[in-house]
Protein backbone atom coordinates (compact mmCIF):
# COMPACT_ATOMS: atom_id res chain seq x y z
CA MET A 1 -0.11 0.34 0.22
CA TYR A 2 1.15 3.21 -0.75
CA LEU A 3 1.33 6.45 1.11
CA LYS A 4 0.59 9.45 0.17
CA GLN A 5 3.43 11.73 0.02
CA SER A 6 3.03 14.20 2.63
CA GLU A 7 2.28 11.24 4.97
CA ALA A 8 5.51 8.75 3.34
CA ALA A 9 7.62 12.45 4.02
CA ALA A 10 6.35 12.62 7.63
CA SER A 11 7.31 9.25 8.33
CA LEU A 12 10.91 9.47 7.11
CA GLN A 13 13.38 9.05 9.97
CA LEU A 14 16.08 11.06 8.93
CA SER A 15 19.39 9.92 10.58
CA SER A 16 21.25 13.50 10.60
CA GLN A 17 20.25 16.88 11.48
CA ARG A 18 22.26 17.69 8.29
CA LYS A 19 19.84 15.56 5.83
CA ARG A 20 16.69 16.92 7.89
CA ASP A 21 19.09 20.15 7.03
CA LEU A 22 19.34 19.73 3.79
CA LEU A 23 15.52 18.24 2.77
CA ASP A 24 14.18 21.34 4.74
CA HIS A 25 16.22 23.62 2.44
CA PHE A 26 15.02 21.96 -0.56
CA GLU A 27 11.22 21.69 0.36
CA LYS A 28 12.11 25.68 0.85
CA ASN A 29 13.77 26.67 -2.10
CA GLY A 30 11.86 24.10 -4.56
CA VAL A 31 10.98 26.52 -6.71
CA GLU A 32 14.55 27.82 -7.16
CA LEU A 33 15.43 24.92 -8.72
CA ASP A 34 14.50 25.45 -11.85
CA ARG A 35 16.58 28.38 -12.52
CA TRP A 36 19.79 27.30 -10.49
CA ARG A 37 20.03 24.25 -13.18
CA GLU A 38 19.61 26.94 -16.35
CA PHE A 39 22.32 28.90 -14.22
CA ASN A 40 24.49 26.19 -14.13
CA ALA A 41 23.28 24.82 -17.15
CA ALA A 42 27.18 24.15 -19.11
CA TYR A 43 27.80 22.15 -15.28
CA HIS A 44 24.93 20.22 -15.52
CA ALA A 45 25.10 19.32 -19.69
CA ASP A 46 29.07 18.01 -18.86
CA ASP A 47 27.39 16.10 -16.16
CA ARG A 48 24.61 14.34 -18.53
CA LYS A 49 27.47 13.77 -21.16
CA PHE A 50 30.21 11.87 -18.49
CA MET A 51 27.33 9.65 -17.37
CA GLN A 52 26.12 8.92 -20.84
CA PHE A 53 29.86 7.63 -21.35
CA LEU A 54 30.06 5.73 -18.28
CA ILE A 55 26.98 3.91 -18.66
CA PRO A 56 25.44 3.21 -22.16
CA PRO A 57 21.71 2.71 -22.60
CA GLY A 58 19.61 -0.20 -21.67
CA LYS A 59 21.61 -0.72 -18.18
CA ARG A 60 19.97 -0.97 -15.38
CA VAL A 61 20.31 1.84 -12.86
CA LEU A 62 19.68 3.18 -9.27
CA GLU A 63 20.37 7.03 -8.71
CA LEU A 64 21.28 7.70 -5.04
CA GLY A 65 19.54 10.98 -4.31
CA CYS A 66 17.43 11.31 -7.46
CA SER A 67 15.97 14.59 -7.28
CA ARG A 68 13.26 15.06 -10.29
CA GLY A 69 14.95 11.88 -11.98
CA ASP A 70 16.26 14.40 -15.20
CA LEU A 71 19.51 12.34 -14.66
CA LEU A 72 18.20 8.74 -14.44
CA ALA A 73 15.96 9.63 -17.19
CA THR A 74 18.42 10.35 -19.33
CA LEU A 75 20.66 7.27 -19.27
CA LYS A 76 17.77 5.87 -20.70
CA PRO A 77 18.13 2.93 -18.34
CA SER A 78 16.11 -0.78 -19.00
CA TYR A 79 15.16 -0.64 -15.60
CA GLY A 80 15.75 3.16 -13.75
CA VAL A 81 14.58 3.28 -9.91
CA GLY A 82 16.05 6.72 -8.38
CA ILE A 83 15.77 7.42 -4.43
CA ASP A 84 15.49 11.03 -3.05
CA PHE A 85 14.51 12.18 0.97
CA SER A 86 12.14 14.67 -0.66
CA ALA A 87 8.43 14.16 -0.76
CA GLU A 88 8.24 17.06 -3.49
CA THR A 89 10.60 16.05 -5.56
CA ILE A 90 9.94 12.30 -5.84
CA ALA A 91 6.43 13.57 -7.10
CA THR A 92 7.93 15.53 -9.54
CA ALA A 93 9.81 13.18 -10.73
CA ASN A 94 6.98 10.55 -11.14
CA ALA A 95 5.20 13.16 -13.01
CA ARG A 96 7.81 13.72 -15.15
CA HIS A 97 9.16 10.70 -15.71
CA PRO A 98 6.52 7.79 -15.67
CA ASP A 99 8.20 5.09 -17.06
CA LEU A 100 11.03 5.24 -14.12
CA TYR A 101 10.49 3.84 -10.06
CA PHE A 102 11.45 6.18 -7.85
CA VAL A 103 10.97 5.86 -4.35
CA LEU A 104 10.54 8.42 -1.36
CA GLY A 105 13.59 7.22 1.43
CA ASP A 106 16.48 7.94 2.91
CA VAL A 107 19.12 5.68 1.13
CA GLU A 108 21.37 5.01 4.54
CA ASP A 109 18.25 2.97 5.79
CA PRO A 110 18.41 -0.46 5.19
CA GLN A 111 14.16 -0.29 5.08
CA THR A 112 14.66 1.83 2.15
CA LEU A 113 16.77 -0.33 0.18
CA ASN A 114 14.87 -3.48 1.04
CA GLY A 115 11.83 -2.83 -1.33
CA ILE A 116 14.12 -2.20 -4.13
CA GLU A 117 13.63 -5.10 -7.26
């Protein structure tokens, strides 16, 4: 049974104050993400090219800290899984890339990884 994003986010037990602060920052400033990515477009283009060089299309890919899933989608995996602890970014990733699988959770929490095939 899937929880609503807000219920799932509330149930997350992040393991450090640093993670809680990071989540709080992205939840409060999520609208700035597009502007920030546009400002740093050259960096993100180089990152995508390098990842595409390392990971050919058709591989199974797990991205930790996937944000909106854009990098994972660029890799064209046969099966792609993204994990992030922001309910808002996971909801956006699901909407933008319905062919990929996104998990709300903390990658350092074994329970998050147990549910992934």
